[in-house]
Amino acid sequence: MRYIVSIDQGTTGTRCLVADEAGRPLSWAYKEHTNIYPRPGWVEHNPVEILEATKYVVGEALRGLPAGKRSVVAVGVTNQRETTVIWNRRTGMPVYNAIVWQDTRTRERCDQLRAEGLETDPIHRLTGLYASTYFSATKIEWILKNVPKAAELAKTGELAFGTMDTWLIWNLTRGVGENRGGVHVTDYTNASRTMLFDIEKLEWSEELLKLFGIPAEIMPQPLPSISRDCYGYTDLWGMVDGVVPVCGDLGDQQAALFGQTCYSVGDAKNTYGTGCFLLQNIGERPVLSQHGLLTTVAYSMERGRAVYAMEGSIAIAGSLLKWLSENIGLISSPRESGEVAARAGDEGSAGVYFVPAFSGLFAPYWDPSARGLIIGLSAYSRREHIVYAALESICWQTYDVVESIYRDTGVKLSVLRVDGGASMNDVLMQLQADVLGCEVVRPEFTETTSLGAAYAAGLAAGVWRDVEELRGMWRASAVFRPRWSAERRVRGLRAWRAAVSRSRNWLRDIES
């Protein structure tokens, strides 16, 4: 039996999954790490702590195998995107903590870029992104400007930048064979989240590196996500005999898309976690969004070519259910939300609408001034109506993203594949099918991010022939089919849009 090791480095912790050649998860381990908040709006991680956690979960997962671990044939990596680390190539030590994708310390710099008209051109034109603290470019710029001697060392080539995949691959391959200093690479999907990468040419943009004052010497080599030549070799810190290739690398949301086998134009997945990340395959041409979405590399299997995705990010999804439980006590736990909402029966929310704009609205509105509201209350309104409206709000936000993708690309969604913790809520998933008017399908194994990295590495190592073989291994555990009439969907959409309008105009109305 041949095994593939998948390292999934996330925002709150690191998971290692070991899959077999049938694509089945056999063993896994997980360890959390510390989130560091030095100032309001600042979010950091200790890269060394993450490296040690990675070593721990790899060891635990290998110990959990039913047979000897000598049959590991490939390693894949997936990671929290945009999080930025810069380290010294000679010592292997970071010059500063990793600045996390959630960090907003560079907000003023992003405001400046927009004010100078640079968001549209060159940033959006070249990268498919918008000037945001979300991405890596301004984080790198901040480290080089604020960490003593960092800019000087960067110019001499002594420093290396990477997102977390690059940091882990460098350490996985460090001291193995000829790679005494580690292989300094990333893949096209992670590169496309830095705000420095020309997504059409699939190379670092000299224009953007110059704009942010970033020396090209610190940048990793961008390569395909599925690397048949492999990035380098590892002995997994002495945990396997000999060496195995590190040959799969994807950002976490792209790994989930790959793990959901969304390989055809129009295929889409939505991950229901704290927020929602919906990605839809748009093919081999990077269409730029005119409706508030991001264009990103979905995956690549050969140099100079890629498959692209349109992405919409929703800030509040699973966290809304936690808010209902912990802040106002309408439910005892997020898991109870489906049971309570189901009591509403056919009347649903009974005219109640919930816009969870707790931190403004993300895609496709990008309105930081929006505020959360519950509207349509009457003396008849009960607890189950409000909980139902909360679940429905997650679905309407997803509808807004899907509609924007269609307006940008003309690619119509026929089936939505789902994963993430909240995807286990059957009431929510049925509502999503009703709101979208299409099938919603949940897979047998919902940790699709880890599985996607395993698929990428196994494909590169020849465990599987092609994506069609991977597609054949995917199994659904539940299918939710739409039940609403078209009339009900239109009526609900009209009410949702009216509620969103109130949410967005509330501050302006009281200030005018």
Protein backbone atom coordinates (compact mmCIF):
# COMPACT_ATOMS: atom_id res chain seq x y z
CA MET A 1 0.00 0.00 0.00
CA ARG A 2 1.28 3.45 -0.96
CA TYR A 3 0.61 6.42 1.32
CA ILE A 4 0.45 10.17 0.70
CA VAL A 5 1.16 12.61 3.53
CA SER A 6 -0.84 15.85 3.45
CA ILE A 7 0.21 18.76 5.69
CA ASP A 8 -2.64 21.27 6.17
CA GLN A 9 -1.36 24.39 7.92
CA GLY A 10 -4.32 26.56 8.91
CA THR A 11 -5.08 29.78 10.75
CA THR A 12 -5.78 28.14 14.12
CA GLY A 13 -3.80 24.92 13.86
CA THR A 14 -2.01 22.34 11.73
CA ARG A 15 -3.37 19.00 10.56
CA CYS A 16 -1.57 16.05 9.00
CA LEU A 17 -3.60 13.53 7.06
CA VAL A 18 -2.33 10.31 5.52
CA ALA A 19 -4.33 8.96 2.58
CA ASP A 20 -3.99 5.64 0.77
CA GLU A 21 -3.90 5.02 -2.97
CA ALA A 22 -7.69 4.71 -3.04
CA GLY A 23 -7.90 8.29 -1.77
CA ARG A 24 -9.19 7.22 1.64
CA PRO A 25 -8.06 9.09 4.78
CA LEU A 26 -6.39 6.53 7.05
CA SER A 27 -4.79 8.53 9.83
CA TRP A 28 -4.67 12.14 10.95
CA ALA A 29 -3.56 14.40 13.79
CA TYR A 30 -4.16 18.04 14.69
CA LYS A 31 -2.47 20.62 16.92
CA GLU A 32 -3.43 24.23 17.57
CA HIS A 33 -0.99 27.11 17.78
CA THR A 34 -1.08 30.49 19.50
CA ASN A 35 -2.73 33.52 17.92
CA ILE A 36 -0.78 36.63 18.92
CA TYR A 37 -2.49 40.05 19.15
CA PRO A 38 0.20 42.69 19.86
CA ARG A 39 -2.13 45.65 19.16
CA PRO A 40 -5.73 46.18 18.08
CA GLY A 41 -6.07 44.92 14.50
CA TRP A 42 -2.69 43.15 14.55
CA VAL A 43 -2.64 39.35 14.24
CA GLU A 44 0.58 37.30 14.26
CA HIS A 45 1.82 33.71 14.46
CA ASN A 46 5.15 32.34 15.59
CA PRO A 47 6.54 30.48 12.54
CA VAL A 48 8.84 28.34 14.69
CA GLU A 49 5.89 27.22 16.85
CA ILE A 50 4.02 26.29 13.66
CA LEU A 51 7.03 24.34 12.39
CA GLU A 52 7.24 22.39 15.66
CA ALA A 53 3.49 21.72 15.56
CA THR A 54 3.90 20.43 12.01
CA LYS A 55 6.61 18.00 13.06
CA TYR A 56 4.38 16.79 15.90
CA VAL A 57 1.27 16.11 13.78
CA VAL A 58 3.31 14.39 11.05
CA GLY A 59 4.76 12.04 13.66
CA GLU A 60 1.35 11.35 15.21
CA ALA A 61 -0.30 10.70 11.85
CA LEU A 62 2.48 8.32 10.74
CA ARG A 63 2.21 6.43 14.02
CA GLY A 64 -1.48 5.94 13.31
CA LEU A 65 -0.93 4.05 10.07
CA PRO A 66 -2.15 0.44 9.97
CA ALA A 67 1.06 -0.71 8.29
CA GLY A 68 4.72 0.31 8.09
CA LYS A 69 5.45 3.90 7.20
CA ARG A 70 8.12 3.10 4.62
CA SER A 71 5.49 3.22 1.87
CA VAL A 72 5.06 7.01 1.96
CA VAL A 73 5.52 8.04 -1.68
CA ALA A 74 4.62 11.75 -1.73
CA VAL A 75 4.06 14.81 0.44
CA GLY A 76 1.59 17.61 -0.26
CA VAL A 77 1.20 20.95 1.51
CA THR A 78 -1.75 23.28 1.85
CA ASN A 79 -1.89 26.43 3.93
CA GLN A 80 -3.59 29.53 5.20
CA ARG A 81 -3.14 31.94 2.33
CA GLU A 82 -1.57 35.44 2.38
CA THR A 83 0.04 35.02 5.84
CA THR A 84 3.57 36.38 5.48
CA VAL A 85 6.88 35.22 6.94
CA ILE A 86 10.40 36.45 6.19
CA TRP A 87 13.42 34.54 7.48
CA ASN A 88 17.20 34.49 7.33
CA ARG A 89 18.43 31.89 4.82
CA ARG A 90 21.61 31.23 6.78
CA THR A 91 20.15 30.76 10.26
CA GLY A 92 16.69 29.60 9.27
CA MET A 93 15.16 31.96 11.83
CA PRO A 94 12.34 34.43 11.09
CA VAL A 95 13.22 38.10 11.34
CA TYR A 96 9.71 38.81 12.67
CA ASN A 97 6.54 36.89 13.51
CA ALA A 98 4.34 35.81 10.62
CA ILE A 99 1.80 38.53 9.83
CA VAL A 100 -1.56 36.78 9.43
CA TRP A 101 -4.02 37.36 6.59
CA GLN A 102 -6.51 38.84 9.11
CA ASP A 103 -4.06 41.56 10.17
CA THR A 104 -5.10 45.15 9.32
CA ARG A 105 -2.02 47.17 10.30
CA THR A 106 -1.46 48.28 6.68
CA ARG A 107 -4.96 49.76 6.21
CA GLU A 108 -3.64 53.29 5.68
CA ARG A 109 -1.24 52.06 3.00
CA CYS A 110 -4.11 50.35 1.18
CA ASP A 111 -6.20 53.52 1.44
CA GLN A 112 -3.29 55.41 -0.10
CA LEU A 113 -3.04 52.94 -3.01
CA ARG A 114 -6.75 53.42 -3.73
CA ALA A 115 -6.52 57.20 -3.44
CA GLU A 116 -3.67 57.21 -5.97
CA GLY A 117 -5.69 55.13 -8.42
CA LEU A 118 -3.30 52.19 -8.20
CA GLU A 119 -5.93 49.65 -7.16
CA THR A 120 -7.44 49.49 -10.65
CA ASP A 121 -4.15 49.68 -12.50
CA PRO A 122 -1.74 48.02 -12.01
CA ILE A 123 -3.00 45.99 -9.01
CA HIS A 124 -6.38 44.67 -10.21
CA ARG A 125 -5.29 44.51 -13.85
CA LEU A 126 -2.29 42.28 -13.11
CA THR A 127 -3.35 40.31 -10.03
CA GLY A 128 -7.16 40.06 -10.11
CA LEU A 129 -7.13 41.37 -6.52
CA TYR A 130 -7.96 44.65 -4.82
CA ALA A 131 -5.77 46.85 -2.61
CA SER A 132 -6.44 45.17 0.72
CA THR A 133 -4.69 44.35 3.98
CA TYR A 134 -5.81 40.78 3.25
CA PHE A 135 -2.92 40.13 0.85
CA SER A 136 0.84 39.74 1.35
CA ALA A 137 2.38 42.71 -0.48
CA THR A 138 1.81 45.39 2.15
CA LYS A 139 2.78 42.95 4.91
CA ILE A 140 6.17 42.33 3.26
CA GLU A 141 6.59 46.07 2.76
CA TRP A 142 5.83 46.69 6.46
CA ILE A 143 8.41 44.14 7.65
CA LEU A 144 11.11 45.53 5.39
CA LYS A 145 10.43 49.06 6.62
CA ASN A 146 9.96 48.35 10.32
CA VAL A 147 12.29 45.48 11.26
CA PRO A 148 15.89 46.73 11.84
CA LYS A 149 18.31 45.80 9.02
CA ALA A 150 15.61 43.80 7.19
CA ALA A 151 15.66 45.99 4.08
CA GLU A 152 19.46 45.91 3.94
CA LEU A 153 19.63 42.12 4.34
CA ALA A 154 16.87 41.67 1.75
CA LYS A 155 18.85 43.55 -0.88
CA THR A 156 21.86 41.29 -0.36
CA GLY A 157 19.76 38.15 -0.78
CA GLU A 158 20.17 36.97 2.81
CA LEU A 159 16.43 36.94 3.51
CA ALA A 160 13.63 34.82 2.07
CA PHE A 161 9.93 35.58 1.90
CA GLY A 162 7.16 33.05 1.79
CA THR A 163 3.60 32.26 2.66
CA MET A 164 3.30 29.33 5.05
CA ASP A 165 3.65 26.72 2.31
CA THR A 166 7.02 28.17 1.34
CA TRP A 167 8.19 28.25 4.96
CA LEU A 168 7.23 24.60 5.49
CA ILE A 169 8.63 23.31 2.20
CA TRP A 170 11.91 25.14 2.86
CA ASN A 171 12.14 23.39 6.23
CA LEU A 172 10.96 20.02 4.92
CA THR A 173 13.72 20.00 2.30
CA ARG A 174 16.41 21.71 4.39
CA GLY A 175 19.49 19.55 4.84
CA VAL A 176 18.21 16.84 2.49
CA GLY A 177 20.52 15.89 -0.40
CA GLU A 178 21.92 18.97 -2.11
CA ASN A 179 19.34 21.28 -0.58
CA ARG A 180 21.35 22.24 2.49
CA GLY A 181 19.45 25.52 2.76
CA GLY A 182 16.02 24.25 1.74
CA VAL A 183 14.11 24.66 -1.51
CA HIS A 184 12.64 28.16 -1.85
CA VAL A 185 9.43 27.70 -3.85
CA THR A 186 5.71 28.41 -3.86
CA ASP A 187 2.94 27.43 -6.21
CA TYR A 188 0.87 29.57 -8.55
CA THR A 189 -2.21 29.52 -6.27
CA ASN A 190 -0.37 30.95 -3.27
CA ALA A 191 1.58 33.37 -5.45
CA SER A 192 -1.72 34.68 -6.81
CA ARG A 193 -2.70 35.79 -3.27
CA THR A 194 0.32 38.04 -2.66
CA MET A 195 -0.80 41.05 -4.77
CA LEU A 196 2.58 40.76 -6.52
CA PHE A 197 1.87 38.07 -9.10
CA ASP A 198 0.88 38.54 -12.74
CA ILE A 199 -1.83 35.89 -12.98
CA GLU A 200 -1.81 35.85 -16.78
CA LYS A 201 1.96 35.55 -17.25
CA LEU A 202 2.26 33.39 -14.09
CA GLU A 203 5.33 35.22 -12.85
CA TRP A 204 6.24 37.91 -10.33
CA SER A 205 5.45 41.38 -11.60
CA GLU A 206 8.52 43.62 -11.71
CA GLU A 207 6.17 46.62 -11.74
CA LEU A 208 4.49 45.58 -8.47
CA LEU A 209 7.72 44.56 -6.76
CA LYS A 210 9.04 48.03 -7.54
CA LEU A 211 5.82 49.68 -6.35
CA PHE A 212 6.18 48.06 -2.92
CA GLY A 213 9.97 48.26 -2.74
CA ILE A 214 10.43 44.49 -2.52
CA PRO A 215 13.70 43.02 -3.85
CA ALA A 216 13.16 40.14 -6.29
CA GLU A 217 15.93 38.26 -4.45
CA ILE A 218 13.65 37.41 -1.52
CA MET A 219 10.85 35.95 -3.65
CA PRO A 220 10.31 32.18 -3.99
CA GLN A 221 10.20 30.48 -7.38
CA PRO A 222 6.56 30.07 -8.45
CA LEU A 223 5.77 26.59 -9.80
CA PRO A 224 2.71 24.49 -10.70
CA SER A 225 0.55 23.14 -7.85
CA ILE A 226 1.03 19.58 -9.09
CA SER A 227 4.79 19.28 -9.67
CA ARG A 228 5.76 16.08 -11.49
CA ASP A 229 9.37 17.24 -11.33
CA CYS A 230 8.81 17.74 -7.56
CA TYR A 231 9.91 20.78 -5.56
CA GLY A 232 12.47 18.83 -3.55
CA TYR A 233 12.86 15.80 -1.28
CA THR A 234 12.27 15.26 2.42
CA ASP A 235 12.82 12.56 5.02
CA LEU A 236 10.01 14.12 7.11
CA TRP A 237 12.54 15.05 9.79
CA GLY A 238 13.83 11.50 10.01
CA MET A 239 10.40 9.90 10.34
CA VAL A 240 10.70 7.84 7.13
CA ASP A 241 13.54 5.79 5.70
CA GLY A 242 15.11 7.41 2.66
CA VAL A 243 13.53 10.45 1.06
CA VAL A 244 10.19 11.17 -0.60
CA PRO A 245 9.20 13.95 -3.02
CA VAL A 246 7.36 17.08 -1.91
CA CYS A 247 5.27 17.56 -5.03
CA GLY A 248 1.87 19.11 -4.19
CA ASP A 249 1.19 22.66 -3.00
CA LEU A 250 -2.07 24.63 -2.93
CA GLY A 251 -3.58 27.47 -0.93
CA ASP A 252 -6.28 26.17 1.40
CA GLN A 253 -9.37 27.27 -0.54
CA GLN A 254 -7.90 26.07 -3.82
CA ALA A 255 -7.02 22.76 -2.15
CA ALA A 256 -10.65 22.41 -1.10
CA LEU A 257 -11.72 23.07 -4.71
CA PHE A 258 -9.24 20.43 -5.91
CA GLY A 259 -10.32 17.97 -3.21
CA GLN A 260 -13.94 18.47 -4.25
CA THR A 261 -12.84 17.45 -7.80
CA CYS A 262 -14.11 20.70 -9.33
CA TYR A 263 -12.13 20.23 -12.54
CA SER A 264 -14.66 21.43 -15.14
CA VAL A 265 -15.72 24.98 -15.99
CA GLY A 266 -18.69 25.86 -13.80
CA ASP A 267 -17.82 23.44 -10.98
CA ALA A 268 -17.97 25.19 -7.62
CA LYS A 269 -17.49 24.56 -3.93
CA ASN A 270 -18.41 26.56 -0.85
CA THR A 271 -16.62 26.13 2.47
CA TYR A 272 -18.83 26.95 5.46
CA GLY A 273 -16.56 27.88 8.32
CA THR A 274 -16.33 31.07 10.35
CA GLY A 275 -17.13 32.76 7.06
CA CYS A 276 -17.73 31.30 3.61
CA PHE A 277 -15.33 30.95 0.69
CA LEU A 278 -16.99 30.16 -2.61
CA LEU A 279 -14.75 29.31 -5.58
CA GLN A 280 -15.99 28.50 -9.05
CA ASN A 281 -13.84 27.07 -11.84
CA ILE A 282 -13.83 29.53 -14.77
CA GLY A 283 -11.34 27.71 -17.01
CA GLU A 284 -7.96 28.67 -18.45
CA ARG A 285 -8.65 32.36 -19.02
CA PRO A 286 -8.33 34.80 -16.08
CA VAL A 287 -11.52 36.85 -16.37
CA LEU A 288 -11.33 39.96 -14.16
CA SER A 289 -14.38 40.64 -12.03
CA GLN A 290 -16.39 43.81 -12.48
CA HIS A 291 -18.70 42.89 -9.60
CA GLY A 292 -16.53 42.79 -6.49
CA LEU A 293 -15.07 39.28 -6.72
CA LEU A 294 -11.47 38.07 -6.87
CA THR A 295 -9.86 36.27 -9.79
CA THR A 296 -7.36 33.71 -8.56
CA VAL A 297 -5.39 30.71 -9.78
CA ALA A 298 -7.36 27.55 -8.95
CA TYR A 299 -4.58 25.04 -9.70
CA SER A 300 -1.87 24.26 -12.24
CA MET A 301 -0.46 21.00 -13.57
CA GLU A 302 2.25 22.35 -15.87
CA ARG A 303 4.52 25.36 -16.09
CA GLY A 304 3.07 28.40 -17.77
CA ARG A 305 -0.54 27.13 -17.69
CA ALA A 306 -3.24 27.33 -15.06
CA VAL A 307 -6.91 26.87 -14.35
CA TYR A 308 -8.54 29.92 -12.78
CA ALA A 309 -11.36 30.50 -10.32
CA MET A 310 -13.60 33.36 -9.35
CA GLU A 311 -13.79 33.74 -5.59
CA GLY A 312 -16.24 35.39 -3.26
CA SER A 313 -15.55 35.78 0.46
CA ILE A 314 -18.35 36.10 3.02
CA ALA A 315 -17.31 37.39 6.43
CA ILE A 316 -20.03 35.94 8.65
CA ALA A 317 -21.38 32.39 8.36
CA GLY A 318 -20.69 29.84 11.10
CA SER A 319 -19.69 32.67 13.43
CA LEU A 320 -23.28 33.95 13.22
CA LEU A 321 -24.53 30.73 14.80
CA LYS A 322 -21.93 31.10 17.54
CA TRP A 323 -23.18 34.68 18.09
CA LEU A 324 -26.78 33.45 18.42
CA SER A 325 -25.58 31.01 21.08
CA GLU A 326 -23.00 32.95 23.07
CA ASN A 327 -24.09 36.58 22.72
CA ILE A 328 -27.86 36.47 22.90
CA GLY A 329 -28.65 32.90 23.98
CA LEU A 330 -31.26 32.07 21.34
CA ILE A 331 -29.74 28.60 20.95
CA SER A 332 -27.66 26.52 23.33
CA SER A 333 -24.98 25.82 20.71
CA PRO A 334 -24.46 26.30 16.95
CA ARG A 335 -25.43 22.64 16.46
CA GLU A 336 -28.91 23.36 17.81
CA SER A 337 -29.62 25.92 15.07
CA GLY A 338 -30.92 23.35 12.57
CA GLU A 339 -33.25 21.74 15.11
CA VAL A 340 -34.70 25.10 16.22
CA ALA A 341 -35.08 26.44 12.66
CA ALA A 342 -36.86 23.25 11.60
CA ARG A 343 -39.68 24.06 14.03
CA ALA A 344 -40.66 26.98 11.82
CA GLY A 345 -41.97 24.52 9.25
CA ASP A 346 -43.29 25.81 5.95
CA GLU A 347 -43.63 29.40 7.18
CA GLY A 348 -39.85 29.68 7.41
CA SER A 349 -38.76 33.01 8.85
CA ALA A 350 -42.33 34.39 8.78
CA GLY A 351 -41.09 37.54 7.09
CA VAL A 352 -38.03 38.08 9.29
CA TYR A 353 -34.72 38.87 7.55
CA PHE A 354 -31.29 38.94 9.17
CA VAL A 355 -28.31 40.77 7.63
CA PRO A 356 -25.20 39.74 9.64
CA ALA A 357 -23.01 42.71 8.69
CA PHE A 358 -21.12 42.63 11.99
CA SER A 359 -17.91 43.80 10.30
CA GLY A 360 -19.49 45.33 7.22
CA LEU A 361 -20.36 43.31 4.14
CA PHE A 362 -17.75 41.45 2.09
CA ALA A 363 -18.23 40.18 -1.48
CA PRO A 364 -19.80 41.40 -3.62
CA TYR A 365 -20.61 44.63 -1.73
CA TRP A 366 -17.31 45.40 0.05
CA ASP A 367 -19.08 47.93 2.26
CA PRO A 368 -17.32 48.40 5.64
CA SER A 369 -20.01 50.87 6.73
CA ALA A 370 -22.84 48.29 6.60
CA ARG A 371 -24.27 47.24 9.97
CA GLY A 372 -26.08 44.12 11.08
CA LEU A 373 -29.84 44.17 11.40
CA ILE A 374 -32.92 42.01 11.96
CA ILE A 375 -35.94 43.36 10.13
CA GLY A 376 -39.55 42.26 9.62
CA LEU A 377 -40.28 41.53 13.28
CA SER A 378 -43.86 41.43 14.53
CA ALA A 379 -45.65 40.27 17.65
CA TYR A 380 -45.97 36.89 15.93
CA SER A 381 -42.18 36.44 15.55
CA ARG A 382 -40.71 33.60 17.59
CA ARG A 383 -37.27 32.23 18.33
CA GLU A 384 -37.39 29.71 15.49
CA HIS A 385 -38.19 32.44 12.96
CA ILE A 386 -35.09 34.43 13.92
CA VAL A 387 -32.84 31.35 13.88
CA TYR A 388 -34.29 30.36 10.50
CA ALA A 389 -33.62 33.89 9.19
CA ALA A 390 -30.02 33.62 10.42
CA LEU A 391 -29.49 30.37 8.49
CA GLU A 392 -31.22 31.86 5.47
CA SER A 393 -28.90 34.90 5.56
CA ILE A 394 -25.88 32.63 5.00
CA CYS A 395 -27.64 31.23 1.93
CA TRP A 396 -28.63 34.64 0.52
CA GLN A 397 -25.06 35.91 0.90
CA THR A 398 -23.93 32.87 -1.09
CA TYR A 399 -26.59 33.65 -3.70
CA ASP A 400 -25.14 37.16 -4.10
CA VAL A 401 -21.69 35.71 -4.82
CA VAL A 402 -23.01 33.11 -7.27
CA GLU A 403 -25.01 35.75 -9.13
CA SER A 404 -21.94 38.02 -9.38
CA ILE A 405 -19.85 35.19 -10.82
CA TYR A 406 -22.52 34.60 -13.45
CA ARG A 407 -22.61 38.30 -14.33
CA ASP A 408 -18.82 38.32 -14.72
CA THR A 409 -18.37 35.08 -16.64
CA GLY A 410 -21.70 33.85 -17.98
CA VAL A 411 -20.89 30.51 -16.29
CA LYS A 412 -24.04 29.20 -14.64
CA LEU A 413 -23.94 27.13 -11.46
CA SER A 414 -25.77 23.81 -11.67
CA VAL A 415 -24.39 22.00 -8.58
CA LEU A 416 -22.68 23.38 -5.47
CA ARG A 417 -20.33 21.11 -3.54
CA VAL A 418 -20.03 21.99 0.13
CA ASP A 419 -17.62 21.38 2.99
CA GLY A 420 -16.59 22.89 6.30
CA GLY A 421 -18.13 22.50 9.75
CA ALA A 422 -21.49 24.19 9.07
CA SER A 423 -22.03 22.01 5.99
CA MET A 424 -23.05 19.25 8.42
CA ASN A 425 -26.20 21.26 9.23
CA ASP A 426 -28.88 19.60 7.05
CA VAL A 427 -31.39 22.42 7.48
CA LEU A 428 -28.81 24.97 6.32
CA MET A 429 -27.85 22.84 3.32
CA GLN A 430 -31.49 22.35 2.28
CA LEU A 431 -32.04 26.09 2.56
CA GLN A 432 -28.97 26.66 0.39
CA ALA A 433 -30.42 24.42 -2.31
CA ASP A 434 -33.76 26.22 -2.08
CA VAL A 435 -32.21 29.71 -2.31
CA LEU A 436 -29.85 28.86 -5.19
CA GLY A 437 -32.31 26.67 -7.08
CA CYS A 438 -29.66 24.02 -7.65
CA GLU A 439 -28.41 20.82 -6.05
CA VAL A 440 -26.14 21.08 -3.03
CA VAL A 441 -23.90 18.05 -2.52
CA ARG A 442 -21.92 17.13 0.59
CA PRO A 443 -19.03 14.64 0.27
CA GLU A 444 -18.31 11.66 2.48
CA PHE A 445 -15.17 13.30 3.83
CA THR A 446 -15.58 17.02 4.55
CA GLU A 447 -11.89 17.79 5.29
CA THR A 448 -11.47 18.47 1.60
CA THR A 449 -8.59 20.91 2.07
CA SER A 450 -6.31 18.18 3.43
CA LEU A 451 -7.61 15.74 0.84
CA GLY A 452 -6.96 18.22 -1.99
CA ALA A 453 -3.27 18.49 -1.06
CA ALA A 454 -3.06 14.70 -0.93
CA TYR A 455 -4.69 14.44 -4.36
CA ALA A 456 -2.22 16.96 -5.80
CA ALA A 457 0.84 15.17 -4.42
CA GLY A 458 -0.41 11.71 -5.38
CA LEU A 459 -1.20 12.85 -8.89
CA ALA A 460 2.28 14.33 -9.27
CA ALA A 461 3.89 11.14 -7.92
CA GLY A 462 1.99 8.90 -10.32
CA VAL A 463 -0.25 7.28 -7.72
CA TRP A 464 -3.19 8.37 -9.90
CA ARG A 465 -3.16 8.80 -13.66
CA ASP A 466 -5.23 11.94 -14.13
CA VAL A 467 -8.00 14.10 -12.68
CA GLU A 468 -10.64 11.79 -14.10
CA GLU A 469 -9.39 9.03 -11.83
CA LEU A 470 -9.60 11.43 -8.90
CA ARG A 471 -13.10 12.42 -9.92
CA GLY A 472 -14.06 8.74 -9.85
CA MET A 473 -12.93 8.43 -6.21
CA TRP A 474 -15.12 11.30 -4.97
CA ARG A 475 -18.24 10.15 -3.12
CA ALA A 476 -21.32 12.10 -2.04
CA SER A 477 -22.83 11.51 1.38
CA ALA A 478 -25.90 13.72 0.94
CA VAL A 479 -27.68 15.53 -1.90
CA PHE A 480 -30.07 18.41 -1.22
CA ARG A 481 -32.46 19.31 -4.04
CA PRO A 482 -34.36 22.61 -4.30
CA ARG A 483 -37.99 22.59 -3.15
CA TRP A 484 -38.95 26.24 -3.44
CA SER A 485 -40.99 27.54 -6.33
CA ALA A 486 -39.42 30.18 -8.55
CA GLU A 487 -41.99 32.66 -7.21
CA ARG A 488 -40.93 32.10 -3.60
CA ARG A 489 -37.26 32.47 -4.54
CA VAL A 490 -37.90 35.79 -6.32
CA ARG A 491 -40.01 37.08 -3.43
CA GLY A 492 -37.33 36.11 -0.93
CA LEU A 493 -34.57 37.71 -3.00
CA ARG A 494 -36.51 40.96 -3.23
CA ALA A 495 -36.92 41.07 0.56
CA TRP A 496 -33.25 40.14 1.14
CA ARG A 497 -32.05 42.93 -1.16
CA ALA A 498 -34.30 45.43 0.63
CA ALA A 499 -32.85 44.36 3.98
CA VAL A 500 -29.28 44.67 2.63
CA SER A 501 -30.09 48.17 1.38
CA ARG A 502 -31.27 49.16 4.85
CA SER A 503 -28.10 47.66 6.33
CA ARG A 504 -25.88 49.64 3.99
CA ASN A 505 -27.73 52.97 4.32
CA TRP A 506 -28.44 52.92 8.05
CA LEU A 507 -25.43 55.03 9.10
CA ARG A 508 -25.91 57.44 6.20
CA ASP A 509 -29.56 57.92 7.11
CA ILE A 510 -28.90 58.78 10.76
CA GLU A 511 -25.97 61.04 9.89
CA SER A 512 -27.80 63.02 7.19
